C-alpha atoms as a PDB file:
ATOM      1  CA  UNK A   1     -28.567 -23.752  17.533  1.00  0.00           C
ATOM      2  CA  UNK A   2     -27.454 -27.310  18.116  1.00  0.00           C
ATOM      3  CA  UNK A   3     -24.853 -28.727  20.448  1.00  0.00           C
ATOM      4  CA  UNK A   4     -22.627 -29.352  17.411  1.00  0.00           C
ATOM      5  CA  UNK A   5     -22.646 -25.631  16.641  1.00  0.00           C
ATOM      6  CA  UNK A   6     -21.222 -24.823  20.077  1.00  0.00           C
ATOM      7  CA  UNK A   7     -18.574 -27.558  20.177  1.00  0.00           C
ATOM      8  CA  UNK A   8     -15.678 -25.691  18.588  1.00  0.00           C
ATOM      9  CA  UNK A   9     -15.970 -21.945  19.053  1.00  0.00           C
ATOM     10  CA  UNK A  10     -13.624 -19.114  18.231  1.00  0.00           C
ATOM     11  CA  UNK A  11     -13.202 -17.208  21.494  1.00  0.00           C
ATOM     12  CA  UNK A  12     -11.779 -13.773  22.209  1.00  0.00           C
ATOM     13  CA  UNK A  13     -10.620 -13.256  25.778  1.00  0.00           C
ATOM     14  CA  UNK A  14      -9.905  -9.832  27.195  1.00  0.00           C
ATOM     15  CA  UNK A  15      -8.539  -8.761  30.545  1.00  0.00           C
ATOM     16  CA  UNK A  16      -6.138  -6.071  31.624  1.00  0.00           C
ATOM     17  CA  UNK A  17      -4.199  -8.639  33.658  1.00  0.00           C
ATOM     18  CA  UNK A  18      -1.909 -10.895  31.619  1.00  0.00           C
ATOM     19  CA  UNK A  19      -1.753 -13.452  34.434  1.00  0.00           C
ATOM     20  CA  UNK A  20      -5.548 -13.851  34.307  1.00  0.00           C
ATOM     21  CA  UNK A  21      -5.434 -14.257  30.521  1.00  0.00           C
ATOM     22  CA  UNK A  22      -2.873 -17.028  30.954  1.00  0.00           C
ATOM     23  CA  UNK A  23      -5.201 -18.864  33.359  1.00  0.00           C
ATOM     24  CA  UNK A  24      -8.268 -18.590  31.119  1.00  0.00           C
ATOM     25  CA  UNK A  25      -6.697 -19.870  27.880  1.00  0.00           C
ATOM     26  CA  UNK A  26      -6.216 -23.495  29.045  1.00  0.00           C
ATOM     27  CA  UNK A  27      -9.747 -23.619  30.466  1.00  0.00           C
ATOM     28  CA  UNK A  28     -11.225 -22.445  27.157  1.00  0.00           C
ATOM     29  CA  UNK A  29      -9.032 -24.898  25.240  1.00  0.00           C
ATOM     30  CA  UNK A  30     -10.089 -27.750  27.551  1.00  0.00           C
ATOM     31  CA  UNK A  31     -13.705 -27.000  26.590  1.00  0.00           C
ATOM     32  CA  UNK A  32     -12.699 -27.665  22.973  1.00  0.00           C
ATOM     33  CA  UNK A  33     -12.611 -24.049  21.827  1.00  0.00           C
ATOM     34  CA  UNK A  34      -9.940 -21.985  20.121  1.00  0.00           C
ATOM     35  CA  UNK A  35      -8.692 -18.737  21.639  1.00  0.00           C
ATOM     36  CA  UNK A  36      -8.280 -16.532  18.591  1.00  0.00           C
ATOM     37  CA  UNK A  37      -7.294 -13.342  20.379  1.00  0.00           C
ATOM     38  CA  UNK A  38      -6.105 -12.173  23.779  1.00  0.00           C
ATOM     39  CA  UNK A  39      -6.600  -8.485  24.272  1.00  0.00           C
ATOM     40  CA  UNK A  40      -5.539  -6.187  27.053  1.00  0.00           C
ATOM     41  CA  UNK A  41      -5.935  -2.682  25.608  1.00  0.00           C
ATOM     42  CA  UNK A  42      -9.340  -1.056  25.202  1.00  0.00           C
ATOM     43  CA  UNK A  43      -8.073   0.834  22.159  1.00  0.00           C
ATOM     44  CA  UNK A  44      -7.273  -2.417  20.318  1.00  0.00           C
ATOM     45  CA  UNK A  45     -10.154  -4.726  21.193  1.00  0.00           C
ATOM     46  CA  UNK A  46     -12.747  -3.207  18.838  1.00  0.00           C
ATOM     47  CA  UNK A  47     -10.530  -3.598  15.777  1.00  0.00           C
ATOM     48  CA  UNK A  48      -9.550  -7.127  16.791  1.00  0.00           C
ATOM     49  CA  UNK A  49     -13.223  -8.037  17.250  1.00  0.00           C
ATOM     50  CA  UNK A  50     -14.092  -6.654  13.800  1.00  0.00           C
ATOM     51  CA  UNK A  51     -11.169  -8.437  12.137  1.00  0.00           C
ATOM     52  CA  UNK A  52     -11.395 -11.819  13.884  1.00  0.00           C
ATOM     53  CA  UNK A  53     -15.207 -12.112  14.209  1.00  0.00           C
ATOM     54  CA  UNK A  54     -15.186 -14.355  17.315  1.00  0.00           C
ATOM     55  CA  UNK A  55     -18.162 -16.518  18.220  1.00  0.00           C
ATOM     56  CA  UNK A  56     -18.061 -15.339  21.826  1.00  0.00           C
ATOM     57  CA  UNK A  57     -15.975 -12.970  23.961  1.00  0.00           C
ATOM     58  CA  UNK A  58     -15.004 -13.479  27.589  1.00  0.00           C
ATOM     59  CA  UNK A  59     -14.111 -10.243  29.377  1.00  0.00           C
ATOM     60  CA  UNK A  60     -12.499 -10.556  32.765  1.00  0.00           C
ATOM     61  CA  UNK A  61     -12.673  -8.004  35.514  1.00  0.00           C
ATOM     62  CA  UNK A  62      -9.077  -7.091  36.273  1.00  0.00           C
ATOM     63  CA  UNK A  63      -7.731  -4.275  38.434  1.00  0.00           C
ATOM     64  CA  UNK A  64     -10.055  -1.615  37.054  1.00  0.00           C
ATOM     65  CA  UNK A  65     -13.780  -1.951  36.462  1.00  0.00           C
ATOM     66  CA  UNK A  66     -13.514   1.030  34.118  1.00  0.00           C
ATOM     67  CA  UNK A  67     -11.036  -0.856  31.937  1.00  0.00           C
ATOM     68  CA  UNK A  68     -13.254  -3.945  31.803  1.00  0.00           C
ATOM     69  CA  UNK A  69     -16.327  -1.840  30.998  1.00  0.00           C
ATOM     70  CA  UNK A  70     -14.357  -0.159  28.205  1.00  0.00           C
ATOM     71  CA  UNK A  71     -13.453  -3.566  26.764  1.00  0.00           C
ATOM     72  CA  UNK A  72     -17.118  -4.599  26.889  1.00  0.00           C
ATOM     73  CA  UNK A  73     -18.280  -1.426  25.154  1.00  0.00           C
ATOM     74  CA  UNK A  74     -15.795  -1.800  22.299  1.00  0.00           C
ATOM     75  CA  UNK A  75     -16.709  -5.447  21.678  1.00  0.00           C
ATOM     76  CA  UNK A  76     -20.458  -4.790  21.889  1.00  0.00           C
ATOM     77  CA  UNK A  77     -20.122  -1.850  19.463  1.00  0.00           C
ATOM     78  CA  UNK A  78     -18.907  -4.300  16.857  1.00  0.00           C
ATOM     79  CA  UNK A  79     -22.021  -6.452  17.566  1.00  0.00           C
ATOM     80  CA  UNK A  80     -20.095  -9.427  16.246  1.00  0.00           C
ATOM     81  CA  UNK A  81     -20.602 -11.745  19.185  1.00  0.00           C
ATOM     82  CA  UNK A  82     -22.091 -11.983  22.644  1.00  0.00           C
ATOM     83  CA  UNK A  83     -19.963 -10.877  25.576  1.00  0.00           C
ATOM     84  CA  UNK A  84     -19.746 -12.839  28.810  1.00  0.00           C
ATOM     85  CA  UNK A  85     -18.197 -11.250  31.886  1.00  0.00           C
ATOM     86  CA  UNK A  86     -15.776 -13.450  33.787  1.00  0.00           C
ATOM     87  CA  UNK A  87     -15.570 -12.694  37.512  1.00  0.00           C
ATOM     88  CA  UNK A  88     -13.058 -13.943  40.038  1.00  0.00           C
ATOM     89  CA  UNK A  89     -15.337 -12.970  42.939  1.00  0.00           C
ATOM     90  CA  UNK A  90     -18.962 -11.781  43.130  1.00  0.00           C
ATOM     91  CA  UNK A  91     -19.370  -8.111  42.192  1.00  0.00           C
ATOM     92  CA  UNK A  92     -23.060  -7.138  41.784  1.00  0.00           C
ATOM     93  CA  UNK A  93     -22.299  -3.453  41.126  1.00  0.00           C
ATOM     94  CA  UNK A  94     -19.948  -4.324  38.259  1.00  0.00           C
ATOM     95  CA  UNK A  95     -22.410  -6.840  36.802  1.00  0.00           C
ATOM     96  CA  UNK A  96     -25.111  -4.142  36.831  1.00  0.00           C
ATOM     97  CA  UNK A  97     -22.859  -1.702  34.965  1.00  0.00           C
ATOM     98  CA  UNK A  98     -21.754  -4.404  32.520  1.00  0.00           C
ATOM     99  CA  UNK A  99     -25.379  -5.293  31.790  1.00  0.00           C
ATOM    100  CA  UNK A 100     -26.046  -1.664  30.839  1.00  0.00           C
ATOM    101  CA  UNK A 101     -23.285  -1.990  28.252  1.00  0.00           C
ATOM    102  CA  UNK A 102     -24.715  -5.087  26.610  1.00  0.00           C
ATOM    103  CA  UNK A 103     -23.245  -8.229  28.177  1.00  0.00           C
ATOM    104  CA  UNK A 104     -25.357 -11.339  27.853  1.00  0.00           C
ATOM    105  CA  UNK A 105     -24.209 -13.142  31.016  1.00  0.00           C
ATOM    106  CA  UNK A 106     -21.550 -13.476  33.640  1.00  0.00           C
ATOM    107  CA  UNK A 107     -19.713 -16.520  34.912  1.00  0.00           C
ATOM    108  CA  UNK A 108     -17.273 -17.036  37.735  1.00  0.00           C
ATOM    109  CA  UNK A 109     -13.961 -18.764  37.420  1.00  0.00           C
ATOM    110  CA  UNK A 110     -14.687 -20.655  40.633  1.00  0.00           C
ATOM    111  CA  UNK A 111     -16.438 -23.444  38.720  1.00  0.00           C
ATOM    112  CA  UNK A 112     -15.206 -23.685  35.143  1.00  0.00           C
ATOM    113  CA  UNK A 113     -17.286 -26.840  34.606  1.00  0.00           C
ATOM    114  CA  UNK A 114     -20.362 -24.604  34.207  1.00  0.00           C
ATOM    115  CA  UNK A 115     -18.764 -22.430  31.534  1.00  0.00           C
ATOM    116  CA  UNK A 116     -19.918 -24.499  28.560  1.00  0.00           C
ATOM    117  CA  UNK A 117     -23.537 -24.516  29.700  1.00  0.00           C
ATOM    118  CA  UNK A 118     -23.428 -20.748  30.150  1.00  0.00           C
ATOM    119  CA  UNK A 119     -21.837 -20.293  26.730  1.00  0.00           C
ATOM    120  CA  UNK A 120     -24.522 -22.482  25.124  1.00  0.00           C
ATOM    121  CA  UNK A 121     -27.302 -20.427  26.708  1.00  0.00           C
ATOM    122  CA  UNK A 122     -25.675 -17.135  25.748  1.00  0.00           C
ATOM    123  CA  UNK A 123     -25.202 -18.177  22.123  1.00  0.00           C
ATOM    124  CA  UNK A 124     -28.850 -19.247  21.861  1.00  0.00           C
ATOM    125  CA  UNK A 125     -30.065 -15.946  23.369  1.00  0.00           C
ATOM    126  CA  UNK A 126     -27.730 -13.954  21.117  1.00  0.00           C
ATOM    127  CA  UNK A 127     -29.129 -15.736  18.035  1.00  0.00           C
ATOM    128  CA  UNK A 128     -32.692 -15.077  19.219  1.00  0.00           C
ATOM    129  CA  UNK A 129     -31.831 -11.422  19.815  1.00  0.00           C
ATOM    130  CA  UNK A 130     -30.474 -11.048  16.285  1.00  0.00           C
ATOM    131  CA  UNK A 131     -33.504 -12.839  14.821  1.00  0.00           C
ATOM    132  CA  UNK A 132     -35.797 -10.456  16.687  1.00  0.00           C
ATOM    133  CA  UNK A 133     -33.714  -7.458  15.678  1.00  0.00           C
ATOM    134  CA  UNK A 134     -33.943  -8.617  12.054  1.00  0.00           C
ATOM    135  CA  UNK A 135     -37.716  -9.010  12.303  1.00  0.00           C
ATOM    136  CA  UNK A 136     -38.051  -5.462  13.633  1.00  0.00           C
ATOM    137  CA  UNK A 137     -35.831  -4.208  10.829  1.00  0.00           C
ATOM    138  CA  UNK A 138     -37.911  -6.017   8.195  1.00  0.00           C
ATOM    139  CA  UNK A 139     -41.106  -4.618   9.675  1.00  0.00           C
ATOM    140  CA  UNK A 140     -39.692  -1.089   9.726  1.00  0.00           C
ATOM    141  CA  UNK A 141     -38.620  -1.411   6.090  1.00  0.00           C
ATOM    142  CA  UNK A 142     -42.097  -2.592   5.054  1.00  0.00           C
ATOM    143  CA  UNK A 143     -43.684   0.285   6.991  1.00  0.00           C
ATOM    144  CA  UNK A 144     -41.407   2.803   5.249  1.00  0.00           C
ATOM    145  CA  UNK A 145     -42.289   1.344   1.847  1.00  0.00           C
ATOM    146  CA  UNK A 146     -46.003   1.555   2.661  1.00  0.00           C
ATOM    147  CA  UNK A 147     -45.581   5.181   3.708  1.00  0.00           C
ATOM    148  CA  UNK A 148     -43.838   6.050   0.452  1.00  0.00           C
ATOM    149  CA  UNK A 149     -46.552   4.335  -1.602  1.00  0.00           C
ATOM    150  CA  UNK A 150     -49.305   6.050   0.418  1.00  0.00           C
ATOM    151  CA  UNK A 151     -47.764   9.445  -0.230  1.00  0.00           C
ATOM    152  CA  UNK A 152     -46.959   8.895  -3.914  1.00  0.00           C
ATOM    153  CA  UNK A 153     -50.251   7.206  -4.866  1.00  0.00           C
ATOM    154  CA  UNK A 154     -52.603   8.971  -2.434  1.00  0.00           C
ATOM    155  CA  UNK A 155     -53.824   5.656  -1.048  1.00  0.00           C
ATOM    156  CA  UNK A 156     -54.459   4.339   2.441  1.00  0.00           C
ATOM    157  CA  UNK A 157     -52.279   1.888   4.364  1.00  0.00           C
ATOM    158  CA  UNK A 158     -54.287  -1.164   3.295  1.00  0.00           C
ATOM    159  CA  UNK A 159     -53.994  -0.115  -0.350  1.00  0.00           C
ATOM    160  CA  UNK A 160     -50.245   0.382  -0.020  1.00  0.00           C
ATOM    161  CA  UNK A 161     -49.790  -3.039   1.537  1.00  0.00           C
ATOM    162  CA  UNK A 162     -51.933  -4.645  -1.175  1.00  0.00           C
ATOM    163  CA  UNK A 163     -49.782  -2.903  -3.802  1.00  0.00           C
ATOM    164  CA  UNK A 164     -46.649  -4.408  -2.217  1.00  0.00           C
ATOM    165  CA  UNK A 165     -48.259  -7.859  -1.992  1.00  0.00           C
ATOM    166  CA  UNK A 166     -49.541  -7.794  -5.563  1.00  0.00           C
ATOM    167  CA  UNK A 167     -46.162  -6.696  -6.918  1.00  0.00           C
ATOM    168  CA  UNK A 168     -44.516  -9.421  -4.854  1.00  0.00           C
ATOM    169  CA  UNK A 169     -46.824 -12.053  -6.326  1.00  0.00           C
ATOM    170  CA  UNK A 170     -46.670 -10.929  -9.941  1.00  0.00           C
ATOM    171  CA  UNK A 171     -42.903 -10.388  -9.911  1.00  0.00           C
ATOM    172  CA  UNK A 172     -42.352 -13.622  -7.976  1.00  0.00           C
ATOM    173  CA  UNK A 173     -40.211 -11.742  -5.457  1.00  0.00           C
ATOM    174  CA  UNK A 174     -40.254 -11.660  -1.684  1.00  0.00           C
ATOM    175  CA  UNK A 175     -42.325  -8.892  -0.144  1.00  0.00           C
ATOM    176  CA  UNK A 176     -39.229  -7.651   1.674  1.00  0.00           C
ATOM    177  CA  UNK A 177     -37.335  -7.378  -1.637  1.00  0.00           C
ATOM    178  CA  UNK A 178     -40.170  -5.326  -3.143  1.00  0.00           C
ATOM    179  CA  UNK A 179     -40.279  -3.086  -0.053  1.00  0.00           C
ATOM    180  CA  UNK A 180     -36.505  -2.622  -0.268  1.00  0.00           C
ATOM    181  CA  UNK A 181     -36.777  -1.615  -3.919  1.00  0.00           C
ATOM    182  CA  UNK A 182     -39.453   0.963  -3.072  1.00  0.00           C
ATOM    183  CA  UNK A 183     -37.410   2.424  -0.230  1.00  0.00           C
ATOM    184  CA  UNK A 184     -34.160   2.415  -2.221  1.00  0.00           C
ATOM    185  CA  UNK A 185     -35.753   3.875  -5.342  1.00  0.00           C
ATOM    186  CA  UNK A 186     -38.144   6.448  -3.926  1.00  0.00           C
ATOM    187  CA  UNK A 187     -35.539   9.219  -4.013  1.00  0.00           C
ATOM    188  CA  UNK A 188     -35.415   8.864  -7.808  1.00  0.00           C
ATOM    189  CA  UNK A 189     -39.150   9.452  -8.148  1.00  0.00           C
ATOM    190  CA  UNK A 190     -40.715  12.895  -8.415  1.00  0.00           C
ATOM    191  CA  UNK A 191     -42.494  14.235  -5.332  1.00  0.00           C
ATOM    192  CA  UNK A 192     -45.783  14.372  -7.242  1.00  0.00           C
ATOM    193  CA  UNK A 193     -46.877  12.266 -10.186  1.00  0.00           C
ATOM    194  CA  UNK A 194     -45.970  14.145 -13.378  1.00  0.00           C
ATOM    195  CA  UNK A 195     -48.714  15.153 -15.736  1.00  0.00           C
ATOM    196  CA  UNK A 196     -48.450  13.720 -19.268  1.00  0.00           C
ATOM    197  CA  UNK A 197     -46.635  16.041 -21.707  1.00  0.00           C
END
């Protein structure tokens, strides 16, 4: 992720205190970003996150840590963007609870000049997390396809992988696409190979 990619971000800010929201908006705008949503209610923030697809979310700790943790959970459930906790004063217990719910970082409003650096780091780590998550998903899909081929063709793991690779080469398709086809289509196949009629 380059500096250019973090120059103009779409930012969701959430806090149960309207006065805190009003203070954060100009700081975010001064960094060159657009505040696309300001949310106060836990019940609304998940839907807003899904609809608006922000690049990053800043969740402030207001009067109630429970409210802020609820906001974090709803945004993280959408998995659309990384969440950064915004603290007015140090609160290690809250940061610990927020980390359990999936925040990527916290910043304090004492020194807003550090916000952009923190946002840059968080966006890079979020991208790396999603890349890693995707790699695990691809590996799991390939393993499932191998298992299906092993069961249907009574072959070992190496034979199943070679079958996937050979099909990939001859069909000029990515191995992952072949594995997906096996996994998606295996329910249509009989449990045992059918004997010729």
